Amino acid sequence: MNIFLRVALFYFFFWGIIACTNKKPADTLSNKAVADTAKYYPIASFIADEMKYVDLRNFTIVEKISKDIDTSSRKISKDDFLSAASIILKQAQWFTANKNLFTESIFQDLGTESYTINYSSTKASIKNIDLLLNQQTNLPKRLFIRVIQSSGDTTITEQYSWVANKQFVISCSKRTAEGFNESSSKEISWKNQDQ
């Protein structure tokens, strides 16, 4: 046999014996501290980006207010838009700071070519968040946040919905134990003035 082949076989067997007699445990997940790597969609960033997008453009912004059966609409300023949108932003920021209270589930809808990410909680006033993402781009299409709170004998349900690059709606309904219902909504939409 050639000398190089003998040397190579010797080193192969030598390192094989060393590896088999090593008492150090394997580097596995069971003996490592695992960091929290859960990734939640940055909903607050999505809302903040949409707010900046509208603020930097010359859009016509319209507010439509409905209370029970009465409806009115008017043009509003960018400051009014930012003030109303910041209500939804605050909910998204609270979720980001308290995401450990929520469980995540994902549903793929082949009919609309989108994913729906759902965050739900029984421990927070925000009960559900549904985020629809475009399957091809992973960009948000729609966002829904539902908040349920109680005040005395009244249950207050707030629903925030946001359609990317188009509008958002803030709805509120109040229901008492006696069956009294009151509902209101504010829809704010924007579009290019040239359209």
N, C-alpha and C. Protein backbone atom coordinates (compact mmCIF):
# COMPACT_ATOMS: atom_id res chain seq x y z
N MET A 1 0.84 -1.19 0.00
CA MET A 1 0.00 0.00 0.00
C MET A 1 0.88 1.25 0.00
N ASN A 2 0.39 2.19 -0.60
CA ASN A 2 1.05 3.46 -0.71
C ASN A 2 1.11 4.14 0.67
N ILE A 3 2.14 4.87 0.97
CA ILE A 3 2.37 5.49 2.28
C ILE A 3 1.30 6.54 2.59
N PHE A 4 0.88 7.28 1.57
CA PHE A 4 -0.15 8.31 1.80
C PHE A 4 -1.49 7.70 2.18
N LEU A 5 -1.82 6.58 1.57
CA LEU A 5 -3.06 5.89 1.91
C LEU A 5 -3.02 5.37 3.33
N ARG A 6 -1.86 4.84 3.76
CA ARG A 6 -1.72 4.35 5.13
C ARG A 6 -1.88 5.49 6.15
N VAL A 7 -1.26 6.61 5.86
CA VAL A 7 -1.35 7.77 6.77
C VAL A 7 -2.80 8.26 6.84
N ALA A 8 -3.47 8.33 5.70
CA ALA A 8 -4.85 8.79 5.66
C ALA A 8 -5.76 7.85 6.45
N LEU A 9 -5.58 6.53 6.30
CA LEU A 9 -6.39 5.56 7.07
C LEU A 9 -6.11 5.67 8.56
N PHE A 10 -4.85 5.89 8.92
CA PHE A 10 -4.51 6.03 10.33
C PHE A 10 -5.25 7.23 10.94
N TYR A 11 -5.19 8.40 10.26
CA TYR A 11 -5.88 9.59 10.78
C TYR A 11 -7.39 9.40 10.80
N PHE A 12 -7.96 8.74 9.83
CA PHE A 12 -9.39 8.48 9.79
C PHE A 12 -9.81 7.66 11.02
N PHE A 13 -9.11 6.56 11.30
CA PHE A 13 -9.45 5.72 12.46
C PHE A 13 -9.15 6.44 13.79
N PHE A 14 -8.06 7.20 13.81
CA PHE A 14 -7.70 7.92 15.03
C PHE A 14 -8.80 8.91 15.41
N TRP A 15 -9.27 9.75 14.47
CA TRP A 15 -10.31 10.74 14.75
C TRP A 15 -11.66 10.08 15.00
N GLY A 16 -11.90 8.95 14.40
CA GLY A 16 -13.13 8.20 14.68
C GLY A 16 -13.18 7.72 16.11
N ILE A 17 -12.04 7.22 16.63
CA ILE A 17 -11.96 6.75 18.02
C ILE A 17 -12.11 7.93 18.98
N ILE A 18 -11.46 9.04 18.68
CA ILE A 18 -11.57 10.23 19.53
C ILE A 18 -13.02 10.70 19.58
N ALA A 19 -13.70 10.73 18.47
CA ALA A 19 -15.08 11.20 18.43
C ALA A 19 -16.00 10.28 19.23
N CYS A 20 -15.77 8.98 19.17
CA CYS A 20 -16.62 8.03 19.88
C CYS A 20 -16.40 8.08 21.39
N THR A 21 -15.22 8.47 21.84
CA THR A 21 -14.94 8.49 23.28
C THR A 21 -15.15 9.86 23.90
N ASN A 22 -15.56 10.86 23.13
CA ASN A 22 -15.78 12.20 23.65
C ASN A 22 -17.00 12.19 24.57
N LYS A 23 -16.84 12.65 25.80
CA LYS A 23 -17.92 12.65 26.79
C LYS A 23 -18.74 13.93 26.76
N LYS A 24 -18.33 14.92 25.99
CA LYS A 24 -19.05 16.18 25.93
C LYS A 24 -20.40 15.95 25.25
N PRO A 25 -21.51 16.45 25.84
CA PRO A 25 -22.83 16.23 25.22
C PRO A 25 -22.95 16.99 23.90
N ALA A 26 -23.78 16.46 23.05
CA ALA A 26 -24.02 17.09 21.76
C ALA A 26 -24.67 18.45 21.96
N ASP A 27 -24.46 19.32 21.02
CA ASP A 27 -25.01 20.67 21.07
C ASP A 27 -26.45 20.63 20.57
N THR A 28 -27.41 20.39 21.45
CA THR A 28 -28.81 20.26 21.05
C THR A 28 -29.64 21.35 21.70
N LEU A 29 -30.89 21.49 21.25
CA LEU A 29 -31.80 22.47 21.83
C LEU A 29 -32.12 22.15 23.28
N SER A 30 -32.05 20.87 23.67
CA SER A 30 -32.42 20.50 25.03
C SER A 30 -31.43 21.01 26.07
N ASN A 31 -30.18 21.27 25.67
CA ASN A 31 -29.23 21.78 26.66
C ASN A 31 -28.80 23.21 26.36
N LYS A 32 -29.59 23.95 25.57
CA LYS A 32 -29.32 25.34 25.27
C LYS A 32 -30.48 26.19 25.77
N ALA A 33 -30.16 27.39 26.18
CA ALA A 33 -31.22 28.34 26.50
C ALA A 33 -31.77 28.86 25.17
N VAL A 34 -33.07 28.77 25.00
CA VAL A 34 -33.69 29.17 23.74
C VAL A 34 -34.30 30.56 23.93
N ALA A 35 -33.92 31.48 23.07
CA ALA A 35 -34.45 32.85 23.15
C ALA A 35 -35.84 32.89 22.55
N ASP A 36 -36.63 33.88 22.99
CA ASP A 36 -37.96 34.10 22.42
C ASP A 36 -37.78 34.71 21.04
N THR A 37 -38.05 33.93 20.01
CA THR A 37 -37.86 34.40 18.64
C THR A 37 -39.19 34.55 17.92
N ALA A 38 -40.30 34.53 18.65
CA ALA A 38 -41.61 34.66 18.02
C ALA A 38 -41.69 36.00 17.29
N LYS A 39 -42.09 35.96 16.06
CA LYS A 39 -42.20 37.16 15.24
C LYS A 39 -43.67 37.45 15.00
N TYR A 40 -44.10 38.63 15.40
CA TYR A 40 -45.45 39.09 15.14
C TYR A 40 -45.37 40.18 14.07
N TYR A 41 -46.37 40.23 13.23
CA TYR A 41 -46.35 41.21 12.15
C TYR A 41 -46.33 42.62 12.76
N PRO A 42 -45.50 43.52 12.26
CA PRO A 42 -45.40 44.87 12.83
C PRO A 42 -46.60 45.74 12.44
N ILE A 43 -47.72 45.50 13.09
CA ILE A 43 -48.97 46.20 12.77
C ILE A 43 -48.82 47.70 12.99
N ALA A 44 -48.17 48.10 14.09
CA ALA A 44 -48.00 49.53 14.37
C ALA A 44 -47.20 50.22 13.26
N SER A 45 -46.20 49.54 12.73
CA SER A 45 -45.41 50.12 11.64
C SER A 45 -46.26 50.28 10.38
N PHE A 46 -47.13 49.30 10.13
CA PHE A 46 -48.03 49.39 8.97
C PHE A 46 -48.92 50.63 9.08
N ILE A 47 -49.53 50.85 10.26
CA ILE A 47 -50.41 52.00 10.45
C ILE A 47 -49.61 53.30 10.35
N ALA A 48 -48.45 53.35 10.99
CA ALA A 48 -47.61 54.56 10.94
C ALA A 48 -47.19 54.88 9.51
N ASP A 49 -46.85 53.87 8.73
CA ASP A 49 -46.45 54.08 7.32
C ASP A 49 -47.62 54.62 6.50
N GLU A 50 -48.83 54.08 6.74
CA GLU A 50 -50.01 54.56 6.03
C GLU A 50 -50.29 56.03 6.40
N MET A 51 -50.12 56.36 7.68
CA MET A 51 -50.33 57.75 8.12
C MET A 51 -49.34 58.68 7.43
N LYS A 52 -48.08 58.28 7.35
CA LYS A 52 -47.06 59.10 6.68
C LYS A 52 -47.38 59.25 5.19
N TYR A 53 -47.83 58.16 4.58
CA TYR A 53 -48.16 58.16 3.15
C TYR A 53 -49.22 59.23 2.85
N VAL A 54 -50.26 59.27 3.66
CA VAL A 54 -51.34 60.25 3.45
C VAL A 54 -50.85 61.65 3.79
N ASP A 55 -50.09 61.78 4.86
CA ASP A 55 -49.62 63.09 5.31
C ASP A 55 -48.72 63.77 4.27
N LEU A 56 -47.97 62.98 3.51
CA LEU A 56 -47.02 63.54 2.54
C LEU A 56 -47.63 63.82 1.17
N ARG A 57 -48.92 63.54 1.00
CA ARG A 57 -49.54 63.71 -0.31
C ARG A 57 -50.71 64.69 -0.25
N ASN A 58 -51.12 65.10 -1.42
CA ASN A 58 -52.20 66.07 -1.54
C ASN A 58 -53.52 65.35 -1.82
N PHE A 59 -53.95 64.54 -0.87
CA PHE A 59 -55.19 63.79 -1.04
C PHE A 59 -56.39 64.60 -0.55
N THR A 60 -57.54 64.30 -1.11
CA THR A 60 -58.79 64.76 -0.55
C THR A 60 -59.19 63.74 0.50
N ILE A 61 -59.38 64.20 1.73
CA ILE A 61 -59.70 63.31 2.84
C ILE A 61 -61.14 63.59 3.26
N VAL A 62 -61.96 62.54 3.29
CA VAL A 62 -63.38 62.69 3.61
C VAL A 62 -63.71 61.86 4.84
N GLU A 63 -64.46 62.47 5.74
CA GLU A 63 -64.92 61.80 6.95
C GLU A 63 -66.43 61.62 6.85
N LYS A 64 -66.89 60.39 7.05
CA LYS A 64 -68.32 60.08 7.04
C LYS A 64 -68.68 59.57 8.43
N ILE A 65 -69.59 60.26 9.10
CA ILE A 65 -69.98 59.89 10.45
C ILE A 65 -71.41 59.38 10.44
N SER A 66 -71.61 58.22 11.08
CA SER A 66 -72.94 57.63 11.21
C SER A 66 -73.22 57.39 12.68
N LYS A 67 -74.41 57.79 13.12
CA LYS A 67 -74.85 57.51 14.48
C LYS A 67 -76.29 57.03 14.39
N ASP A 68 -76.46 55.76 14.75
CA ASP A 68 -77.75 55.09 14.59
C ASP A 68 -78.21 55.23 13.14
N ILE A 69 -79.19 56.07 12.83
CA ILE A 69 -79.65 56.15 11.43
C ILE A 69 -79.22 57.46 10.75
N ASP A 70 -78.58 58.36 11.48
CA ASP A 70 -78.14 59.64 10.92
C ASP A 70 -76.73 59.52 10.34
N THR A 71 -76.53 60.15 9.17
CA THR A 71 -75.24 60.11 8.50
C THR A 71 -74.89 61.50 7.98
N SER A 72 -73.62 61.86 8.12
CA SER A 72 -73.14 63.12 7.56
C SER A 72 -71.72 62.91 7.06
N SER A 73 -71.28 63.76 6.13
CA SER A 73 -69.91 63.65 5.64
C SER A 73 -69.36 65.04 5.38
N ARG A 74 -68.03 65.13 5.44
CA ARG A 74 -67.35 66.40 5.23
C ARG A 74 -65.89 66.15 4.89
N LYS A 75 -65.27 67.12 4.24
CA LYS A 75 -63.83 67.06 4.00
C LYS A 75 -63.14 67.44 5.30
N ILE A 76 -62.00 66.79 5.58
CA ILE A 76 -61.25 67.10 6.79
C ILE A 76 -59.79 67.38 6.44
N SER A 77 -59.10 67.97 7.39
CA SER A 77 -57.68 68.32 7.20
C SER A 77 -56.79 67.11 7.49
N LYS A 78 -55.54 67.25 7.13
CA LYS A 78 -54.57 66.19 7.46
C LYS A 78 -54.42 66.03 8.96
N ASP A 79 -54.48 67.14 9.70
CA ASP A 79 -54.39 67.05 11.17
C ASP A 79 -55.55 66.26 11.75
N ASP A 80 -56.76 66.46 11.22
CA ASP A 80 -57.92 65.68 11.67
C ASP A 80 -57.73 64.20 11.34
N PHE A 81 -57.21 63.95 10.14
CA PHE A 81 -56.92 62.57 9.73
C PHE A 81 -55.93 61.92 10.68
N LEU A 82 -54.82 62.63 10.95
CA LEU A 82 -53.78 62.07 11.82
C LEU A 82 -54.29 61.84 13.23
N SER A 83 -55.13 62.73 13.71
CA SER A 83 -55.70 62.58 15.05
C SER A 83 -56.57 61.34 15.14
N ALA A 84 -57.42 61.13 14.15
CA ALA A 84 -58.30 59.95 14.15
C ALA A 84 -57.49 58.67 13.96
N ALA A 85 -56.52 58.69 13.05
CA ALA A 85 -55.71 57.49 12.78
C ALA A 85 -54.85 57.11 13.98
N SER A 86 -54.47 58.11 14.79
CA SER A 86 -53.63 57.81 15.95
C SER A 86 -54.36 56.96 16.98
N ILE A 87 -55.69 56.97 16.97
CA ILE A 87 -56.47 56.10 17.87
C ILE A 87 -56.18 54.63 17.54
N ILE A 88 -56.15 54.32 16.25
CA ILE A 88 -55.86 52.94 15.83
C ILE A 88 -54.39 52.62 16.06
N LEU A 89 -53.52 53.58 15.80
CA LEU A 89 -52.09 53.38 16.03
C LEU A 89 -51.82 53.04 17.49
N LYS A 90 -52.49 53.71 18.42
CA LYS A 90 -52.29 53.43 19.85
C LYS A 90 -52.69 52.00 20.19
N GLN A 91 -53.77 51.49 19.60
CA GLN A 91 -54.18 50.10 19.82
C GLN A 91 -53.11 49.15 19.30
N ALA A 92 -52.59 49.45 18.11
CA ALA A 92 -51.54 48.60 17.52
C ALA A 92 -50.26 48.64 18.35
N GLN A 93 -49.91 49.79 18.89
CA GLN A 93 -48.73 49.90 19.73
C GLN A 93 -48.92 49.14 21.04
N TRP A 94 -50.12 49.19 21.60
CA TRP A 94 -50.39 48.45 22.84
C TRP A 94 -50.25 46.95 22.58
N PHE A 95 -50.77 46.49 21.45
CA PHE A 95 -50.64 45.08 21.08
C PHE A 95 -49.17 44.69 20.98
N THR A 96 -48.35 45.52 20.32
CA THR A 96 -46.93 45.23 20.16
C THR A 96 -46.24 45.10 21.51
N ALA A 97 -46.59 45.96 22.44
CA ALA A 97 -45.96 45.94 23.76
C ALA A 97 -46.45 44.77 24.62
N ASN A 98 -47.61 44.20 24.27
CA ASN A 98 -48.21 43.14 25.09
C ASN A 98 -48.51 41.88 24.29
N LYS A 99 -47.72 41.62 23.26
CA LYS A 99 -48.01 40.48 22.37
C LYS A 99 -47.93 39.13 23.07
N ASN A 100 -47.30 39.08 24.24
CA ASN A 100 -47.25 37.82 24.99
C ASN A 100 -48.63 37.39 25.48
N LEU A 101 -49.61 38.29 25.46
CA LEU A 101 -50.98 37.95 25.89
C LEU A 101 -51.80 37.32 24.77
N PHE A 102 -51.22 37.21 23.58
CA PHE A 102 -51.98 36.79 22.40
C PHE A 102 -51.45 35.48 21.84
N THR A 103 -52.36 34.72 21.24
CA THR A 103 -51.96 33.53 20.49
C THR A 103 -52.19 33.81 19.01
N GLU A 104 -51.33 33.24 18.19
CA GLU A 104 -51.36 33.50 16.76
C GLU A 104 -51.83 32.27 16.01
N SER A 105 -52.64 32.50 14.98
CA SER A 105 -53.00 31.43 14.05
C SER A 105 -52.99 32.03 12.64
N ILE A 106 -52.76 31.18 11.66
CA ILE A 106 -52.66 31.64 10.27
C ILE A 106 -53.56 30.78 9.39
N PHE A 107 -54.28 31.45 8.50
CA PHE A 107 -55.18 30.77 7.57
C PHE A 107 -54.86 31.25 6.16
N GLN A 108 -54.73 30.34 5.23
CA GLN A 108 -54.47 30.70 3.84
C GLN A 108 -55.78 30.60 3.07
N ASP A 109 -56.17 31.68 2.41
CA ASP A 109 -57.39 31.71 1.61
C ASP A 109 -57.00 31.72 0.15
N LEU A 110 -57.12 30.58 -0.51
CA LEU A 110 -56.72 30.46 -1.91
C LEU A 110 -57.62 31.27 -2.82
N GLY A 111 -58.88 31.47 -2.41
CA GLY A 111 -59.84 32.23 -3.22
C GLY A 111 -59.46 33.69 -3.37
N THR A 112 -58.90 34.29 -2.33
CA THR A 112 -58.51 35.70 -2.38
C THR A 112 -57.00 35.86 -2.48
N GLU A 113 -56.28 34.76 -2.60
CA GLU A 113 -54.83 34.78 -2.65
C GLU A 113 -54.25 35.61 -1.51
N SER A 114 -54.67 35.28 -0.29
CA SER A 114 -54.19 36.01 0.87
C SER A 114 -54.03 35.08 2.06
N TYR A 115 -53.26 35.56 3.01
CA TYR A 115 -53.12 34.91 4.31
C TYR A 115 -53.85 35.76 5.32
N THR A 116 -54.50 35.13 6.26
CA THR A 116 -55.08 35.86 7.38
C THR A 116 -54.33 35.43 8.63
N ILE A 117 -53.72 36.40 9.28
CA ILE A 117 -53.06 36.15 10.55
C ILE A 117 -54.01 36.63 11.64
N ASN A 118 -54.32 35.77 12.58
CA ASN A 118 -55.22 36.12 13.67
C ASN A 118 -54.46 36.09 14.99
N TYR A 119 -54.63 37.15 15.76
CA TYR A 119 -54.12 37.21 17.13
C TYR A 119 -55.33 37.31 18.04
N SER A 120 -55.43 36.42 19.02
CA SER A 120 -56.57 36.45 19.92
C SER A 120 -56.10 36.37 21.36
N SER A 121 -56.93 36.92 22.26
CA SER A 121 -56.59 36.94 23.67
C SER A 121 -57.84 36.88 24.52
N THR A 122 -57.73 36.18 25.63
CA THR A 122 -58.79 36.19 26.63
C THR A 122 -58.36 37.04 27.82
N LYS A 123 -57.11 37.55 27.79
CA LYS A 123 -56.55 38.29 28.92
C LYS A 123 -56.48 39.79 28.68
N ALA A 124 -56.81 40.25 27.50
CA ALA A 124 -56.67 41.67 27.15
C ALA A 124 -58.00 42.21 26.65
N SER A 125 -58.15 43.53 26.67
CA SER A 125 -59.37 44.13 26.13
C SER A 125 -59.41 44.00 24.61
N ILE A 126 -58.24 43.96 23.96
CA ILE A 126 -58.20 43.64 22.53
C ILE A 126 -58.43 42.13 22.44
N LYS A 127 -59.56 41.76 21.89
CA LYS A 127 -59.92 40.33 21.83
C LYS A 127 -59.40 39.66 20.56
N ASN A 128 -59.46 40.38 19.44
CA ASN A 128 -59.04 39.80 18.16
C ASN A 128 -58.38 40.85 17.28
N ILE A 129 -57.38 40.40 16.56
CA ILE A 129 -56.77 41.18 15.49
C ILE A 129 -56.68 40.25 14.29
N ASP A 130 -57.23 40.67 13.17
CA ASP A 130 -57.12 39.92 11.92
C ASP A 130 -56.39 40.78 10.92
N LEU A 131 -55.34 40.22 10.34
CA LEU A 131 -54.54 40.92 9.34
C LEU A 131 -54.51 40.09 8.08
N LEU A 132 -55.01 40.65 6.98
CA LEU A 132 -54.99 39.97 5.69
C LEU A 132 -53.79 40.45 4.90
N LEU A 133 -52.94 39.50 4.51
CA LEU A 133 -51.73 39.82 3.74
C LEU A 133 -51.85 39.27 2.33
N ASN A 134 -51.38 40.03 1.37
CA ASN A 134 -51.32 39.56 0.00
C ASN A 134 -50.36 38.38 -0.07
N GLN A 135 -50.81 37.29 -0.64
CA GLN A 135 -50.01 36.06 -0.69
C GLN A 135 -48.72 36.24 -1.49
N GLN A 136 -48.76 37.07 -2.53
CA GLN A 136 -47.59 37.25 -3.39
C GLN A 136 -46.56 38.21 -2.79
N THR A 137 -47.04 39.29 -2.15
CA THR A 137 -46.13 40.34 -1.69
C THR A 137 -45.94 40.37 -0.17
N ASN A 138 -46.81 39.68 0.57
CA ASN A 138 -46.84 39.73 2.04
C ASN A 138 -47.11 41.13 2.57
N LEU A 139 -47.71 41.99 1.77
CA LEU A 139 -48.09 43.32 2.21
C LEU A 139 -49.53 43.29 2.71
N PRO A 140 -49.85 44.10 3.72
CA PRO A 140 -51.21 44.10 4.27
C PRO A 140 -52.24 44.60 3.27
N LYS A 141 -53.39 43.96 3.27
CA LYS A 141 -54.54 44.40 2.49
C LYS A 141 -55.59 45.01 3.42
N ARG A 142 -55.85 44.32 4.53
CA ARG A 142 -56.85 44.77 5.49
C ARG A 142 -56.41 44.43 6.91
N LEU A 143 -56.86 45.23 7.85
CA LEU A 143 -56.58 45.02 9.26
C LEU A 143 -57.87 45.24 10.04
N PHE A 144 -58.16 44.33 10.96
CA PHE A 144 -59.33 44.45 11.83
C PHE A 144 -58.87 44.27 13.27
N ILE A 145 -59.27 45.18 14.15
CA ILE A 145 -58.97 45.08 15.58
C ILE A 145 -60.29 45.19 16.33
N ARG A 146 -60.58 44.23 17.20
CA ARG A 146 -61.80 44.28 18.01
C ARG A 146 -61.44 44.39 19.48
N VAL A 147 -62.01 45.42 20.12
CA VAL A 147 -61.79 45.69 21.54
C VAL A 147 -63.14 45.59 22.24
N ILE A 148 -63.19 44.81 23.32
CA ILE A 148 -64.42 44.69 24.10
C ILE A 148 -64.10 45.04 25.55
N GLN A 149 -64.87 46.01 26.09
CA GLN A 149 -64.69 46.45 27.47
C GLN A 149 -66.05 46.57 28.15
N SER A 150 -66.04 46.51 29.45
CA SER A 150 -67.27 46.68 30.22
C SER A 150 -67.14 47.90 31.12
N SER A 151 -68.24 48.63 31.24
CA SER A 151 -68.30 49.78 32.14
C SER A 151 -69.66 49.70 32.83
N GLY A 152 -69.66 49.29 34.09
CA GLY A 152 -70.92 49.08 34.80
C GLY A 152 -71.68 47.94 34.15
N ASP A 153 -72.93 48.20 33.74
CA ASP A 153 -73.72 47.17 33.07
C ASP A 153 -73.68 47.29 31.56
N THR A 154 -72.76 48.11 31.05
CA THR A 154 -72.67 48.36 29.61
C THR A 154 -71.44 47.67 29.03
N THR A 155 -71.66 46.96 27.94
CA THR A 155 -70.56 46.35 27.18
C THR A 155 -70.28 47.24 25.97
N ILE A 156 -69.04 47.66 25.83
CA ILE A 156 -68.65 48.54 24.74
C ILE A 156 -67.74 47.75 23.79
N THR A 157 -68.15 47.66 22.54
CA THR A 157 -67.36 46.97 21.52
C THR A 157 -66.88 48.00 20.51
N GLU A 158 -65.57 48.08 20.36
CA GLU A 158 -64.97 48.97 19.37
C GLU A 158 -64.33 48.11 18.28
N GLN A 159 -64.63 48.45 17.05
CA GLN A 159 -64.08 47.72 15.90
C GLN A 159 -63.32 48.72 15.05
N TYR A 160 -62.03 48.43 14.84
CA TYR A 160 -61.19 49.28 13.99
C TYR A 160 -60.86 48.47 12.74
N SER A 161 -61.12 49.05 11.58
CA SER A 161 -60.75 48.35 10.35
C SER A 161 -59.99 49.32 9.45
N TRP A 162 -59.00 48.77 8.76
CA TRP A 162 -58.15 49.59 7.90
C TRP A 162 -57.98 48.87 6.58
N VAL A 163 -58.29 49.55 5.49
CA VAL A 163 -58.06 49.03 4.14
C VAL A 163 -56.86 49.78 3.60
N ALA A 164 -55.80 49.06 3.27
CA ALA A 164 -54.54 49.67 2.85
C ALA A 164 -54.74 50.63 1.68
N ASN A 165 -54.12 51.81 1.81
CA ASN A 165 -54.12 52.83 0.76
C ASN A 165 -55.49 53.36 0.39
N LYS A 166 -56.48 53.21 1.30
CA LYS A 166 -57.83 53.61 0.93
C LYS A 166 -58.62 54.28 2.05
N GLN A 167 -58.80 53.58 3.18
CA GLN A 167 -59.68 54.09 4.22
C GLN A 167 -59.51 53.35 5.54
N PHE A 168 -60.06 53.93 6.59
CA PHE A 168 -60.21 53.21 7.85
C PHE A 168 -61.55 53.58 8.47
N VAL A 169 -62.04 52.68 9.33
CA VAL A 169 -63.33 52.87 9.98
C VAL A 169 -63.17 52.58 11.46
N ILE A 170 -63.73 53.46 12.28
CA ILE A 170 -63.79 53.25 13.72
C ILE A 170 -65.27 53.13 14.08
N SER A 171 -65.66 51.95 14.57
CA SER A 171 -67.05 51.71 14.94
C SER A 171 -67.13 51.44 16.42
N CYS A 172 -68.23 51.87 17.02
CA CYS A 172 -68.43 51.64 18.44
C CYS A 172 -69.89 51.28 18.67
N SER A 173 -70.11 50.24 19.46
CA SER A 173 -71.48 49.89 19.85
C SER A 173 -71.51 49.70 21.35
N LYS A 174 -72.62 50.14 21.95
CA LYS A 174 -72.82 50.00 23.39
C LYS A 174 -74.09 49.21 23.62
N ARG A 175 -74.00 48.26 24.52
CA ARG A 175 -75.15 47.42 24.83
C ARG A 175 -75.26 47.27 26.34
N THR A 176 -76.46 47.49 26.85
CA THR A 176 -76.68 47.33 28.29
C THR A 176 -77.37 46.00 28.56
N ALA A 177 -77.40 45.63 29.82
CA ALA A 177 -78.05 44.38 30.21
C ALA A 177 -79.55 44.43 29.91
N GLU A 178 -80.14 45.65 29.90
CA GLU A 178 -81.57 45.79 29.60
C GLU A 178 -81.86 45.74 28.11
N GLY A 179 -80.83 45.69 27.29
CA GLY A 179 -81.04 45.57 25.85
C GLY A 179 -80.92 46.87 25.09
N PHE A 180 -80.54 47.97 25.75
CA PHE A 180 -80.36 49.25 25.05
C PHE A 180 -79.13 49.16 24.15
N ASN A 181 -79.31 49.55 22.91
CA ASN A 181 -78.20 49.52 21.95
C ASN A 181 -77.96 50.91 21.38
N GLU A 182 -76.68 51.23 21.19
CA GLU A 182 -76.30 52.48 20.55
C GLU A 182 -75.09 52.18 19.68
N SER A 183 -75.09 52.69 18.47
CA SER A 183 -73.95 52.43 17.59
C SER A 183 -73.56 53.69 16.84
N SER A 184 -72.27 53.79 16.55
CA SER A 184 -71.76 54.92 15.78
C SER A 184 -70.53 54.46 15.01
N SER A 185 -70.24 55.16 13.94
CA SER A 185 -69.04 54.83 13.18
C SER A 185 -68.49 56.08 12.50
N LYS A 186 -67.19 56.06 12.30
CA LYS A 186 -66.50 57.13 11.60
C LYS A 186 -65.66 56.47 10.53
N GLU A 187 -65.94 56.82 9.27
CA GLU A 187 -65.17 56.28 8.14
C GLU A 187 -64.37 57.43 7.54
N ILE A 188 -63.07 57.22 7.42
CA ILE A 188 -62.22 58.24 6.82
C ILE A 188 -61.54 57.62 5.61
N SER A 189 -61.74 58.27 4.46
CA SER A 189 -61.16 57.76 3.21
C SER A 189 -60.37 58.87 2.54
N TRP A 190 -59.44 58.46 1.70
CA TRP A 190 -58.60 59.43 1.01
C TRP A 190 -58.38 58.98 -0.42
N LYS A 191 -58.25 59.95 -1.29
CA LYS A 191 -57.95 59.64 -2.68
C LYS A 191 -57.23 60.82 -3.31
N ASN A 192 -56.52 60.53 -4.38
CA ASN A 192 -55.78 61.55 -5.10
C ASN A 192 -56.77 62.56 -5.66
N GLN A 193 -56.49 63.83 -5.53
CA GLN A 193 -57.40 64.86 -6.02
C GLN A 193 -57.53 64.86 -7.52
N ASP A 194 -56.57 64.29 -8.23
CA ASP A 194 -56.63 64.21 -9.68
C ASP A 194 -57.60 63.16 -10.18
N GLN A 195 -58.03 62.26 -9.31
CA GLN A 195 -58.90 61.15 -9.75
C GLN A 195 -60.35 61.57 -9.77
